[in-house]
Amino acid sequence: MARVYATPDQLAAYTGQPAPADAARLLSRASRFLDERVLKACLYATDDDGMPTAPELRDAFREAVCIQVGWWDEVGDSTGAAGAGWGSVTLGPVTLGRSVTDVSPDASPARMLAPEAWDLLRTLPPDVIRWEVIW
């Protein structure tokens, strides 16, 4: 079973707003995203379910997935599909553009780790998590 680092109630407590109707799905996706994009390159103690045993890691992972869900809300997309395939878009007086050499869904801001989540994770103490280089 996939690890999910936050609940809809924890998301609501973090944001101070009611959790969206699809909060469980978004938190599950954000947890998988965090595992795939960041945590697979880390060593840390886990319990039998693969959850971190250190309280500061549990707290940081919970906050990081809440931040990621908030980031997706800000960019208006949780999958990258909305930004796939366009080089520039004009809506009235607003023009949005990005490199036409990379218009894949992975180039979308929705497929990036939220900068605030990355900032949080980089501050974790080295005695509870070790960053490994993987190629």
C-alpha atoms as a PDB file:
ATOM      1  CA  MET A   1       0.000   0.000   0.000  1.00  0.00           C
ATOM      2  CA  ALA A   2       1.291   3.447  -0.869  1.00  0.00           C
ATOM      3  CA  ARG A   3       2.328   5.755   1.910  1.00  0.00           C
ATOM      4  CA  VAL A   4       0.241   8.891   2.400  1.00  0.00           C
ATOM      5  CA  TYR A   5       1.906  11.453   4.628  1.00  0.00           C
ATOM      6  CA  ALA A   6      -1.097  13.687   5.455  1.00  0.00           C
ATOM      7  CA  THR A   7      -4.851  13.405   5.910  1.00  0.00           C
ATOM      8  CA  PRO A   8      -7.534  15.763   4.611  1.00  0.00           C
ATOM      9  CA  ASP A   9      -8.032  17.016   8.191  1.00  0.00           C
ATOM     10  CA  GLN A  10      -4.313  17.791   8.463  1.00  0.00           C
ATOM     11  CA  LEU A  11      -4.444  19.602   5.110  1.00  0.00           C
ATOM     12  CA  ALA A  12      -7.365  21.701   6.377  1.00  0.00           C
ATOM     13  CA  ALA A  13      -5.479  22.481   9.598  1.00  0.00           C
ATOM     14  CA  TYR A  14      -2.383  23.462   7.592  1.00  0.00           C
ATOM     15  CA  THR A  15      -4.211  25.740   5.160  1.00  0.00           C
ATOM     16  CA  GLY A  16      -6.821  27.077   7.564  1.00  0.00           C
ATOM     17  CA  GLN A  17      -9.429  26.304   4.882  1.00  0.00           C
ATOM     18  CA  PRO A  18     -11.771  23.347   4.430  1.00  0.00           C
ATOM     19  CA  ALA A  19     -10.083  20.522   2.555  1.00  0.00           C
ATOM     20  CA  PRO A  20     -11.187  20.208  -1.075  1.00  0.00           C
ATOM     21  CA  ALA A  21     -13.536  17.356  -1.970  1.00  0.00           C
ATOM     22  CA  ASP A  22     -10.668  15.483  -3.665  1.00  0.00           C
ATOM     23  CA  ALA A  23      -8.172  16.081  -0.834  1.00  0.00           C
ATOM     24  CA  ALA A  24      -7.503  12.378  -0.197  1.00  0.00           C
ATOM     25  CA  ARG A  25      -6.626  11.836  -3.864  1.00  0.00           C
ATOM     26  CA  LEU A  26      -4.428  14.948  -3.991  1.00  0.00           C
ATOM     27  CA  LEU A  27      -2.595  14.010  -0.781  1.00  0.00           C
ATOM     28  CA  SER A  28      -2.011  10.485  -2.067  1.00  0.00           C
ATOM     29  CA  ARG A  29      -0.659  11.860  -5.352  1.00  0.00           C
ATOM     30  CA  ALA A  30       1.510  14.421  -3.522  1.00  0.00           C
ATOM     31  CA  SER A  31       2.911  11.683  -1.274  1.00  0.00           C
ATOM     32  CA  ARG A  32       3.839   9.533  -4.299  1.00  0.00           C
ATOM     33  CA  PHE A  33       5.309  12.612  -5.981  1.00  0.00           C
ATOM     34  CA  LEU A  34       7.434  13.368  -2.909  1.00  0.00           C
ATOM     35  CA  ASP A  35       8.597   9.738  -2.725  1.00  0.00           C
ATOM     36  CA  GLU A  36       9.502   9.648  -6.414  1.00  0.00           C
ATOM     37  CA  ARG A  37      11.072  13.082  -6.816  1.00  0.00           C
ATOM     38  CA  VAL A  38      12.891  13.436  -3.490  1.00  0.00           C
ATOM     39  CA  LEU A  39      12.704  10.691  -0.899  1.00  0.00           C
ATOM     40  CA  LYS A  40      13.939   7.833  -3.070  1.00  0.00           C
ATOM     41  CA  ALA A  41      17.332   9.547  -2.804  1.00  0.00           C
ATOM     42  CA  CYS A  42      17.242   9.561   1.003  1.00  0.00           C
ATOM     43  CA  LEU A  43      18.048   7.158   3.800  1.00  0.00           C
ATOM     44  CA  TYR A  44      16.002   7.346   6.996  1.00  0.00           C
ATOM     45  CA  ALA A  45      14.579   4.964   9.586  1.00  0.00           C
ATOM     46  CA  THR A  46      11.111   3.590   8.831  1.00  0.00           C
ATOM     47  CA  ASP A  47       8.508   1.444  10.531  1.00  0.00           C
ATOM     48  CA  ASP A  48       7.011  -1.737   9.034  1.00  0.00           C
ATOM     49  CA  ASP A  49       4.677   0.376   6.856  1.00  0.00           C
ATOM     50  CA  GLY A  50       7.568   2.394   5.412  1.00  0.00           C
ATOM     51  CA  MET A  51       6.630   5.529   7.347  1.00  0.00           C
ATOM     52  CA  PRO A  52       9.449   7.547   8.937  1.00  0.00           C
ATOM     53  CA  THR A  53      10.004   6.833  12.617  1.00  0.00           C
ATOM     54  CA  ALA A  54      11.562  10.188  13.524  1.00  0.00           C
ATOM     55  CA  PRO A  55       8.854  12.646  14.617  1.00  0.00           C
ATOM     56  CA  GLU A  56      10.537  15.552  12.798  1.00  0.00           C
ATOM     57  CA  LEU A  57      10.465  13.588   9.552  1.00  0.00           C
ATOM     58  CA  ARG A  58       6.804  12.627   9.945  1.00  0.00           C
ATOM     59  CA  ASP A  59       5.995  16.296  10.585  1.00  0.00           C
ATOM     60  CA  ALA A  60       8.124  17.525   7.669  1.00  0.00           C
ATOM     61  CA  PHE A  61       6.738  14.973   5.205  1.00  0.00           C
ATOM     62  CA  ARG A  62       3.178  15.859   6.273  1.00  0.00           C
ATOM     63  CA  GLU A  63       3.870  19.559   5.805  1.00  0.00           C
ATOM     64  CA  ALA A  64       5.668  18.983   2.493  1.00  0.00           C
ATOM     65  CA  VAL A  65       2.693  17.158   0.944  1.00  0.00           C
ATOM     66  CA  CYS A  66       0.341  19.872   2.212  1.00  0.00           C
ATOM     67  CA  ILE A  67       2.621  22.484   0.635  1.00  0.00           C
ATOM     68  CA  GLN A  68       2.652  20.477  -2.617  1.00  0.00           C
ATOM     69  CA  VAL A  69      -1.149  20.296  -2.739  1.00  0.00           C
ATOM     70  CA  GLY A  70      -1.236  24.067  -2.142  1.00  0.00           C
ATOM     71  CA  TRP A  71       1.291  24.577  -4.955  1.00  0.00           C
ATOM     72  CA  TRP A  72      -0.899  22.589  -7.324  1.00  0.00           C
ATOM     73  CA  ASP A  73      -3.841  24.762  -6.340  1.00  0.00           C
ATOM     74  CA  GLU A  74      -1.772  27.886  -7.060  1.00  0.00           C
ATOM     75  CA  VAL A  75      -0.631  26.690 -10.494  1.00  0.00           C
ATOM     76  CA  GLY A  76      -4.105  25.339 -11.254  1.00  0.00           C
ATOM     77  CA  ASP A  77      -2.971  21.840 -12.188  1.00  0.00           C
ATOM     78  CA  SER A  78      -1.921  18.737 -10.259  1.00  0.00           C
ATOM     79  CA  THR A  79      -0.817  16.587 -13.199  1.00  0.00           C
ATOM     80  CA  GLY A  80       0.996  18.822 -15.667  1.00  0.00           C
ATOM     81  CA  ALA A  81      -1.605  18.172 -18.341  1.00  0.00           C
ATOM     82  CA  ALA A  82      -2.890  21.742 -18.414  1.00  0.00           C
ATOM     83  CA  GLY A  83       0.504  23.083 -19.453  1.00  0.00           C
ATOM     84  CA  ALA A  84       1.429  20.364 -21.930  1.00  0.00           C
ATOM     85  CA  GLY A  85       1.915  21.361 -25.515  1.00  0.00           C
ATOM     86  CA  TRP A  86       1.727  25.146 -25.432  1.00  0.00           C
ATOM     87  CA  GLY A  87       4.489  27.627 -26.089  1.00  0.00           C
ATOM     88  CA  SER A  88       2.472  30.789 -25.485  1.00  0.00           C
ATOM     89  CA  VAL A  89      -1.103  31.671 -24.633  1.00  0.00           C
ATOM     90  CA  THR A  90      -2.804  35.069 -24.720  1.00  0.00           C
ATOM     91  CA  LEU A  91      -5.930  35.755 -22.695  1.00  0.00           C
ATOM     92  CA  GLY A  92      -7.015  39.350 -23.115  1.00  0.00           C
ATOM     93  CA  PRO A  93      -4.168  41.571 -21.942  1.00  0.00           C
ATOM     94  CA  VAL A  94      -2.234  38.645 -20.387  1.00  0.00           C
ATOM     95  CA  THR A  95       0.310  36.613 -22.337  1.00  0.00           C
ATOM     96  CA  LEU A  96       1.912  33.522 -20.866  1.00  0.00           C
ATOM     97  CA  GLY A  97       4.821  31.819 -22.533  1.00  0.00           C
ATOM     98  CA  ARG A  98       7.387  29.127 -22.058  1.00  0.00           C
ATOM     99  CA  SER A  99      10.045  27.534 -24.160  1.00  0.00           C
ATOM    100  CA  VAL A 100       8.635  25.787 -27.182  1.00  0.00           C
ATOM    101  CA  THR A 101      11.573  23.384 -27.061  1.00  0.00           C
ATOM    102  CA  ASP A 102      10.119  21.658 -23.989  1.00  0.00           C
ATOM    103  CA  VAL A 103       6.354  21.456 -23.896  1.00  0.00           C
ATOM    104  CA  SER A 104       6.036  18.072 -22.216  1.00  0.00           C
ATOM    105  CA  PRO A 105       3.913  17.659 -19.089  1.00  0.00           C
ATOM    106  CA  ASP A 106       7.125  17.212 -17.027  1.00  0.00           C
ATOM    107  CA  ALA A 107       8.132  20.787 -17.914  1.00  0.00           C
ATOM    108  CA  SER A 108       4.949  22.088 -16.288  1.00  0.00           C
ATOM    109  CA  PRO A 109       5.153  23.807 -12.883  1.00  0.00           C
ATOM    110  CA  ALA A 110       2.694  21.146 -11.681  1.00  0.00           C
ATOM    111  CA  ARG A 111       5.462  18.554 -12.073  1.00  0.00           C
ATOM    112  CA  MET A 112       7.945  20.534 -10.003  1.00  0.00           C
ATOM    113  CA  LEU A 113       8.440  20.106  -6.299  1.00  0.00           C
ATOM    114  CA  ALA A 114       7.014  23.194  -4.637  1.00  0.00           C
ATOM    115  CA  PRO A 115       9.940  25.494  -3.766  1.00  0.00           C
ATOM    116  CA  GLU A 116       8.670  25.912  -0.202  1.00  0.00           C
ATOM    117  CA  ALA A 117       8.537  22.110   0.233  1.00  0.00           C
ATOM    118  CA  TRP A 118      12.115  21.797  -1.034  1.00  0.00           C
ATOM    119  CA  ASP A 119      13.228  24.547   1.360  1.00  0.00           C
ATOM    120  CA  LEU A 120      11.586  22.687   4.254  1.00  0.00           C
ATOM    121  CA  LEU A 121      13.087  19.304   3.365  1.00  0.00           C
ATOM    122  CA  ARG A 122      16.607  20.708   2.977  1.00  0.00           C
ATOM    123  CA  THR A 123      16.535  21.917   6.588  1.00  0.00           C
ATOM    124  CA  LEU A 124      16.037  18.429   8.030  1.00  0.00           C
ATOM    125  CA  PRO A 125      18.851  17.390  10.376  1.00  0.00           C
ATOM    126  CA  PRO A 126      21.440  14.980   8.950  1.00  0.00           C
ATOM    127  CA  ASP A 127      21.134  12.699  11.961  1.00  0.00           C
ATOM    128  CA  VAL A 128      17.573  11.695  10.899  1.00  0.00           C
ATOM    129  CA  ILE A 129      17.839  11.772   7.102  1.00  0.00           C
ATOM    130  CA  ARG A 130      20.754  11.300   4.753  1.00  0.00           C
ATOM    131  CA  TRP A 131      20.656  12.537   1.171  1.00  0.00           C
ATOM    132  CA  GLU A 132      22.213  10.134  -1.316  1.00  0.00           C
ATOM    133  CA  VAL A 133      23.265  10.772  -4.864  1.00  0.00           C
ATOM    134  CA  ILE A 134      21.547   8.377  -7.245  1.00  0.00           C
ATOM    135  CA  TRP A 135      22.022   8.197 -10.957  1.00  0.00           C
END
